[in-house]
Amino acid sequence: MTSSIAKTVFDYLDSDKGATDAMRRGIANLSAIAENVRAECALPKSSYFAVKAAVRRYGERLEKYDSSVDLRKLVKKTKVSIRSSVAVIRTPAKFRQLLKLREIERNARDFSLIESENAITIIIDDEYADEALSQLGRANVLQVERGLHMISLVSPQELEKVPGFVAFATDLLARAGINIKECFSCYTDTVFILEKEDAMRAFRILDRF
């Protein structure tokens, strides 16, 4: 029973960045974490001490690297910009008609393709959206969203060596109740696509850090 409780606790903490960061930095309240884990995992109240022991063991196994120091330095060097009038077009995966968008790609200010297992996402200036839809054929398009905003974070090269930057930025927005429509990163750039009503609030949050 104790070993199964420990596994449950370890599995839960593997996905709890806030708790693990606090333990890594030595500022965690292990009793509070244990009670939260017990409640979240629906473990009986009688298992509290076993849960707390597992939390302590988990903390002892963590590497004592405090990424927050490096993250703060990196964030201070990151430039934040915002653009309006962005469209997002989603097509089926492996869609051959994308070749027809080459002329638009040459002329558009913003043009990005993100390919995943189930779809290809095209991020493009809103002014070119109608032309893109005409080229692709509207019947071949899964979804279109227009009037969105793009927030770009341009960081120095240290980004590649500092873990947690994207998680830090997305966590800031999540805590503010801001939904991210699309997110992608390439080299030193991190890009968020947001609804218009969320964009300025997100910009202020990210820019002040």
C-alpha atoms as a PDB file:
ATOM      1  CA  MET A   1       0.000   0.000   0.000  1.00  0.00           C
ATOM      2  CA  THR A   2       2.806   2.426   0.937  1.00  0.00           C
ATOM      3  CA  SER A   3       4.605   1.791  -2.366  1.00  0.00           C
ATOM      4  CA  SER A   4       1.413   2.462  -4.356  1.00  0.00           C
ATOM      5  CA  ILE A   5       0.874   5.712  -2.444  1.00  0.00           C
ATOM      6  CA  ALA A   6       4.459   6.761  -3.203  1.00  0.00           C
ATOM      7  CA  LYS A   7       3.961   6.037  -6.912  1.00  0.00           C
ATOM      8  CA  THR A   8       0.727   8.046  -6.927  1.00  0.00           C
ATOM      9  CA  VAL A   9       2.476  10.967  -5.227  1.00  0.00           C
ATOM     10  CA  PHE A  10       5.481  10.820  -7.565  1.00  0.00           C
ATOM     11  CA  ASP A  11       3.254  10.674 -10.653  1.00  0.00           C
ATOM     12  CA  TYR A  12       1.254  13.662  -9.457  1.00  0.00           C
ATOM     13  CA  LEU A  13       4.296  15.770  -8.585  1.00  0.00           C
ATOM     14  CA  ASP A  14       5.844  15.037 -11.971  1.00  0.00           C
ATOM     15  CA  SER A  15       3.106  17.248 -13.440  1.00  0.00           C
ATOM     16  CA  ASP A  16       3.014  19.917 -10.700  1.00  0.00           C
ATOM     17  CA  LYS A  17       5.606  22.494 -11.751  1.00  0.00           C
ATOM     18  CA  GLY A  18       4.745  24.954  -8.982  1.00  0.00           C
ATOM     19  CA  ALA A  19       5.284  22.451  -6.186  1.00  0.00           C
ATOM     20  CA  THR A  20       8.447  20.962  -7.646  1.00  0.00           C
ATOM     21  CA  ASP A  21       9.985  24.395  -8.265  1.00  0.00           C
ATOM     22  CA  ALA A  22       9.300  25.365  -4.652  1.00  0.00           C
ATOM     23  CA  MET A  23      10.870  22.128  -3.394  1.00  0.00           C
ATOM     24  CA  ARG A  24      13.863  22.614  -5.632  1.00  0.00           C
ATOM     25  CA  ARG A  25      14.391  26.092  -4.169  1.00  0.00           C
ATOM     26  CA  GLY A  26      13.893  24.911  -0.593  1.00  0.00           C
ATOM     27  CA  ILE A  27      10.887  27.173   0.088  1.00  0.00           C
ATOM     28  CA  ALA A  28       8.116  24.568  -0.034  1.00  0.00           C
ATOM     29  CA  ASN A  29       5.668  23.816   2.765  1.00  0.00           C
ATOM     30  CA  LEU A  30       5.787  20.030   2.574  1.00  0.00           C
ATOM     31  CA  SER A  31       2.760  19.619   4.849  1.00  0.00           C
ATOM     32  CA  ALA A  32       0.626  21.809   2.600  1.00  0.00           C
ATOM     33  CA  ILE A  33       1.870  20.047  -0.532  1.00  0.00           C
ATOM     34  CA  ALA A  34       1.180  16.641   1.009  1.00  0.00           C
ATOM     35  CA  GLU A  35      -2.379  17.588   1.944  1.00  0.00           C
ATOM     36  CA  ASN A  36      -3.001  19.039  -1.515  1.00  0.00           C
ATOM     37  CA  VAL A  37      -1.657  15.898  -3.218  1.00  0.00           C
ATOM     38  CA  ARG A  38      -3.710  13.652  -0.932  1.00  0.00           C
ATOM     39  CA  ALA A  39      -6.898  15.579  -1.728  1.00  0.00           C
ATOM     40  CA  GLU A  40      -6.220  15.867  -5.478  1.00  0.00           C
ATOM     41  CA  CYS A  41      -5.460  12.150  -5.753  1.00  0.00           C
ATOM     42  CA  ALA A  42      -8.507  11.219  -3.627  1.00  0.00           C
ATOM     43  CA  LEU A  43      -6.364   9.321  -1.121  1.00  0.00           C
ATOM     44  CA  PRO A  44      -7.843   8.569   2.318  1.00  0.00           C
ATOM     45  CA  LYS A  45      -7.102  10.964   5.188  1.00  0.00           C
ATOM     46  CA  SER A  46      -5.362   8.137   7.005  1.00  0.00           C
ATOM     47  CA  SER A  47      -2.681   8.136   4.286  1.00  0.00           C
ATOM     48  CA  TYR A  48      -1.516  11.696   5.053  1.00  0.00           C
ATOM     49  CA  PHE A  49       1.763  10.741   6.768  1.00  0.00           C
ATOM     50  CA  ALA A  50       2.634   8.250   4.020  1.00  0.00           C
ATOM     51  CA  VAL A  51       1.907  10.943   1.432  1.00  0.00           C
ATOM     52  CA  LYS A  52       4.071  13.479   3.262  1.00  0.00           C
ATOM     53  CA  ALA A  53       6.932  10.968   3.477  1.00  0.00           C
ATOM     54  CA  ALA A  54       6.649  10.383  -0.275  1.00  0.00           C
ATOM     55  CA  VAL A  55       6.637  14.147  -0.916  1.00  0.00           C
ATOM     56  CA  ARG A  56       9.803  14.491   1.167  1.00  0.00           C
ATOM     57  CA  ARG A  57      11.524  11.657  -0.723  1.00  0.00           C
ATOM     58  CA  TYR A  58      10.502  13.209  -4.041  1.00  0.00           C
ATOM     59  CA  GLY A  59      12.020  16.518  -2.970  1.00  0.00           C
ATOM     60  CA  GLU A  60      15.272  14.867  -1.920  1.00  0.00           C
ATOM     61  CA  ARG A  61      15.653  13.352  -5.382  1.00  0.00           C
ATOM     62  CA  LEU A  62      15.215  16.663  -7.208  1.00  0.00           C
ATOM     63  CA  GLU A  63      18.270  18.371  -8.604  1.00  0.00           C
ATOM     64  CA  LYS A  64      18.860  21.558  -6.638  1.00  0.00           C
ATOM     65  CA  TYR A  65      19.051  23.756  -9.724  1.00  0.00           C
ATOM     66  CA  ASP A  66      17.133  26.999  -9.301  1.00  0.00           C
ATOM     67  CA  SER A  67      16.229  28.019 -12.830  1.00  0.00           C
ATOM     68  CA  SER A  68      14.383  31.134 -11.630  1.00  0.00           C
ATOM     69  CA  VAL A  69      17.608  33.145 -11.381  1.00  0.00           C
ATOM     70  CA  ASP A  70      18.617  32.395 -14.966  1.00  0.00           C
ATOM     71  CA  LEU A  71      15.018  32.840 -16.114  1.00  0.00           C
ATOM     72  CA  ARG A  72      14.769  36.315 -14.593  1.00  0.00           C
ATOM     73  CA  LYS A  73      17.992  37.361 -16.333  1.00  0.00           C
ATOM     74  CA  LEU A  74      16.743  35.945 -19.628  1.00  0.00           C
ATOM     75  CA  VAL A  75      13.317  37.569 -19.352  1.00  0.00           C
ATOM     76  CA  LYS A  76      14.875  40.991 -18.725  1.00  0.00           C
ATOM     77  CA  LYS A  77      16.755  40.682 -22.033  1.00  0.00           C
ATOM     78  CA  THR A  78      13.674  39.505 -23.957  1.00  0.00           C
ATOM     79  CA  LYS A  79      11.941  42.004 -26.236  1.00  0.00           C
ATOM     80  CA  VAL A  80       8.149  41.841 -26.446  1.00  0.00           C
ATOM     81  CA  SER A  81       6.146  43.117 -29.424  1.00  0.00           C
ATOM     82  CA  ILE A  82       2.503  42.915 -30.466  1.00  0.00           C
ATOM     83  CA  ARG A  83       0.814  42.896 -33.877  1.00  0.00           C
ATOM     84  CA  SER A  84      -2.854  43.077 -34.757  1.00  0.00           C
ATOM     85  CA  SER A  85      -4.880  41.755 -37.691  1.00  0.00           C
ATOM     86  CA  VAL A  86      -3.624  38.190 -37.799  1.00  0.00           C
ATOM     87  CA  ALA A  87      -5.563  35.280 -39.296  1.00  0.00           C
ATOM     88  CA  VAL A  88      -5.227  31.579 -38.495  1.00  0.00           C
ATOM     89  CA  ILE A  89      -6.237  29.032 -41.152  1.00  0.00           C
ATOM     90  CA  ARG A  90      -6.235  25.303 -40.409  1.00  0.00           C
ATOM     91  CA  THR A  91      -6.148  22.711 -43.160  1.00  0.00           C
ATOM     92  CA  PRO A  92      -5.875  18.908 -43.141  1.00  0.00           C
ATOM     93  CA  ALA A  93      -2.442  17.431 -42.499  1.00  0.00           C
ATOM     94  CA  LYS A  94      -0.267  16.732 -45.576  1.00  0.00           C
ATOM     95  CA  PHE A  95      -2.318  19.201 -47.609  1.00  0.00           C
ATOM     96  CA  ARG A  96      -0.666  19.574 -51.049  1.00  0.00           C
ATOM     97  CA  GLN A  97      -2.473  22.793 -51.961  1.00  0.00           C
ATOM     98  CA  LEU A  98      -0.115  24.753 -49.681  1.00  0.00           C
ATOM     99  CA  LEU A  99       2.239  25.177 -52.634  1.00  0.00           C
ATOM    100  CA  LYS A 100      -0.246  27.677 -54.042  1.00  0.00           C
ATOM    101  CA  LEU A 101       0.516  30.086 -51.166  1.00  0.00           C
ATOM    102  CA  ARG A 102       4.114  30.781 -52.188  1.00  0.00           C
ATOM    103  CA  GLU A 103       3.280  34.167 -53.728  1.00  0.00           C
ATOM    104  CA  ILE A 104       1.424  35.209 -50.587  1.00  0.00           C
ATOM    105  CA  GLU A 105       4.365  34.041 -48.472  1.00  0.00           C
ATOM    106  CA  ARG A 106       6.687  36.351 -50.411  1.00  0.00           C
ATOM    107  CA  ASN A 107       4.453  39.394 -49.882  1.00  0.00           C
ATOM    108  CA  ALA A 108       2.965  38.921 -46.427  1.00  0.00           C
ATOM    109  CA  ARG A 109       4.495  40.528 -43.355  1.00  0.00           C
ATOM    110  CA  ASP A 110       3.621  37.486 -41.271  1.00  0.00           C
ATOM    111  CA  PHE A 111       3.470  33.979 -42.687  1.00  0.00           C
ATOM    112  CA  SER A 112       4.080  30.832 -40.624  1.00  0.00           C
ATOM    113  CA  LEU A 113       3.223  27.161 -41.101  1.00  0.00           C
ATOM    114  CA  ILE A 114       2.908  24.739 -38.206  1.00  0.00           C
ATOM    115  CA  GLU A 115       2.425  21.090 -39.118  1.00  0.00           C
ATOM    116  CA  SER A 116       1.097  18.561 -36.613  1.00  0.00           C
ATOM    117  CA  GLU A 117      -0.361  15.078 -36.774  1.00  0.00           C
ATOM    118  CA  ASN A 118      -3.939  16.239 -37.406  1.00  0.00           C
ATOM    119  CA  ALA A 119      -3.656  19.599 -39.142  1.00  0.00           C
ATOM    120  CA  ILE A 120      -1.530  22.290 -40.723  1.00  0.00           C
ATOM    121  CA  THR A 121      -1.932  25.736 -39.181  1.00  0.00           C
ATOM    122  CA  ILE A 122      -1.249  28.795 -41.338  1.00  0.00           C
ATOM    123  CA  ILE A 123      -0.648  32.103 -39.556  1.00  0.00           C
ATOM    124  CA  ILE A 124      -0.933  35.001 -41.954  1.00  0.00           C
ATOM    125  CA  ASP A 125      -1.726  38.715 -42.224  1.00  0.00           C
ATOM    126  CA  ASP A 126      -5.487  39.163 -42.102  1.00  0.00           C
ATOM    127  CA  GLU A 127      -5.403  41.170 -45.362  1.00  0.00           C
ATOM    128  CA  TYR A 128      -4.160  38.074 -47.217  1.00  0.00           C
ATOM    129  CA  ALA A 129      -6.630  35.654 -45.615  1.00  0.00           C
ATOM    130  CA  ASP A 130      -9.283  35.908 -48.354  1.00  0.00           C
ATOM    131  CA  GLU A 131      -6.685  35.328 -51.062  1.00  0.00           C
ATOM    132  CA  ALA A 132      -5.270  32.347 -49.168  1.00  0.00           C
ATOM    133  CA  LEU A 133      -8.726  30.843 -48.709  1.00  0.00           C
ATOM    134  CA  SER A 134      -9.433  31.283 -52.416  1.00  0.00           C
ATOM    135  CA  GLN A 135      -6.170  29.559 -53.336  1.00  0.00           C
ATOM    136  CA  LEU A 136      -6.731  26.685 -50.911  1.00  0.00           C
ATOM    137  CA  GLY A 137     -10.422  26.252 -51.659  1.00  0.00           C
ATOM    138  CA  ARG A 138     -12.728  26.952 -48.741  1.00  0.00           C
ATOM    139  CA  ALA A 139     -14.091  23.411 -48.818  1.00  0.00           C
ATOM    140  CA  ASN A 140     -10.590  22.175 -47.949  1.00  0.00           C
ATOM    141  CA  VAL A 141     -10.224  24.395 -44.876  1.00  0.00           C
ATOM    142  CA  LEU A 142     -10.972  22.979 -41.433  1.00  0.00           C
ATOM    143  CA  GLN A 143     -11.198  26.266 -39.544  1.00  0.00           C
ATOM    144  CA  VAL A 144     -10.562  29.995 -39.947  1.00  0.00           C
ATOM    145  CA  GLU A 145     -10.074  32.594 -37.214  1.00  0.00           C
ATOM    146  CA  ARG A 146      -9.557  36.251 -38.027  1.00  0.00           C
ATOM    147  CA  GLY A 147      -8.890  39.476 -36.177  1.00  0.00           C
ATOM    148  CA  LEU A 148      -6.424  37.811 -33.821  1.00  0.00           C
ATOM    149  CA  HIS A 149      -3.283  39.339 -32.308  1.00  0.00           C
ATOM    150  CA  MET A 150       0.299  38.072 -32.285  1.00  0.00           C
ATOM    151  CA  ILE A 151       2.699  38.584 -29.403  1.00  0.00           C
ATOM    152  CA  SER A 152       6.348  37.870 -30.174  1.00  0.00           C
ATOM    153  CA  LEU A 153       9.043  37.328 -27.560  1.00  0.00           C
ATOM    154  CA  VAL A 154      12.557  37.680 -28.963  1.00  0.00           C
ATOM    155  CA  SER A 155      15.195  36.410 -26.551  1.00  0.00           C
ATOM    156  CA  PRO A 156      18.993  36.239 -26.618  1.00  0.00           C
ATOM    157  CA  GLN A 157      20.729  32.987 -27.525  1.00  0.00           C
ATOM    158  CA  GLU A 158      20.912  31.928 -23.867  1.00  0.00           C
ATOM    159  CA  LEU A 159      17.311  30.804 -24.352  1.00  0.00           C
ATOM    160  CA  GLU A 160      18.575  27.493 -25.706  1.00  0.00           C
ATOM    161  CA  LYS A 161      20.394  26.722 -22.447  1.00  0.00           C
ATOM    162  CA  VAL A 162      17.849  27.923 -19.880  1.00  0.00           C
ATOM    163  CA  PRO A 163      15.023  25.431 -19.213  1.00  0.00           C
ATOM    164  CA  GLY A 164      11.497  26.582 -18.547  1.00  0.00           C
ATOM    165  CA  PHE A 165      11.194  29.835 -20.512  1.00  0.00           C
ATOM    166  CA  VAL A 166       8.099  28.860 -22.505  1.00  0.00           C
ATOM    167  CA  ALA A 167       6.563  27.250 -19.409  1.00  0.00           C
ATOM    168  CA  PHE A 168       7.237  30.461 -17.455  1.00  0.00           C
ATOM    169  CA  ALA A 169       5.546  32.646 -20.089  1.00  0.00           C
ATOM    170  CA  THR A 170       2.531  30.371 -20.589  1.00  0.00           C
ATOM    171  CA  ASP A 171       2.101  30.034 -16.817  1.00  0.00           C
ATOM    172  CA  LEU A 172       1.939  33.832 -16.471  1.00  0.00           C
ATOM    173  CA  LEU A 173      -0.847  33.980 -19.034  1.00  0.00           C
ATOM    174  CA  ALA A 174      -2.699  30.984 -17.602  1.00  0.00           C
ATOM    175  CA  ARG A 175      -2.698  32.547 -14.125  1.00  0.00           C
ATOM    176  CA  ALA A 176      -4.321  35.623 -15.644  1.00  0.00           C
ATOM    177  CA  GLY A 177      -7.013  33.494 -17.277  1.00  0.00           C
ATOM    178  CA  ILE A 178      -5.727  34.216 -20.793  1.00  0.00           C
ATOM    179  CA  ASN A 179      -6.322  31.533 -23.399  1.00  0.00           C
ATOM    180  CA  ILE A 180      -3.587  30.965 -25.973  1.00  0.00           C
ATOM    181  CA  LYS A 181      -5.015  30.173 -29.410  1.00  0.00           C
ATOM    182  CA  GLU A 182      -1.658  29.106 -30.881  1.00  0.00           C
ATOM    183  CA  CYS A 183       1.881  28.952 -29.534  1.00  0.00           C
ATOM    184  CA  PHE A 184       5.123  28.106 -31.296  1.00  0.00           C
ATOM    185  CA  SER A 185       8.823  28.736 -30.845  1.00  0.00           C
ATOM    186  CA  CYS A 186      11.691  28.803 -33.304  1.00  0.00           C
ATOM    187  CA  TYR A 187      15.301  29.403 -32.272  1.00  0.00           C
ATOM    188  CA  THR A 188      15.142  32.507 -30.034  1.00  0.00           C
ATOM    189  CA  ASP A 189      11.564  33.526 -30.892  1.00  0.00           C
ATOM    190  CA  THR A 190       8.456  32.531 -28.963  1.00  0.00           C
ATOM    191  CA  VAL A 191       5.095  33.472 -30.491  1.00  0.00           C
ATOM    192  CA  PHE A 192       1.598  33.532 -29.000  1.00  0.00           C
ATOM    193  CA  ILE A 193      -1.612  34.031 -30.981  1.00  0.00           C
ATOM    194  CA  LEU A 194      -4.427  35.480 -28.864  1.00  0.00           C
ATOM    195  CA  GLU A 195      -7.921  36.865 -29.077  1.00  0.00           C
ATOM    196  CA  LYS A 196      -8.068  40.659 -29.443  1.00  0.00           C
ATOM    197  CA  GLU A 197      -9.597  41.156 -25.983  1.00  0.00           C
ATOM    198  CA  ASP A 198      -6.755  39.225 -24.325  1.00  0.00           C
ATOM    199  CA  ALA A 199      -3.856  40.591 -26.328  1.00  0.00           C
ATOM    200  CA  MET A 200      -3.152  43.932 -24.627  1.00  0.00           C
ATOM    201  CA  ARG A 201      -3.499  42.423 -21.160  1.00  0.00           C
ATOM    202  CA  ALA A 202      -1.090  39.633 -22.149  1.00  0.00           C
ATOM    203  CA  PHE A 203       1.340  42.168 -23.609  1.00  0.00           C
ATOM    204  CA  ARG A 204       1.386  44.174 -20.366  1.00  0.00           C
ATOM    205  CA  ILE A 205       1.940  41.019 -18.294  1.00  0.00           C
ATOM    206  CA  LEU A 206       4.814  39.773 -20.439  1.00  0.00           C
ATOM    207  CA  ASP A 207       6.399  43.172 -21.036  1.00  0.00           C
ATOM    208  CA  ARG A 208       6.690  44.105 -17.358  1.00  0.00           C
ATOM    209  CA  PHE A 209       8.797  41.034 -16.652  1.00  0.00           C
END
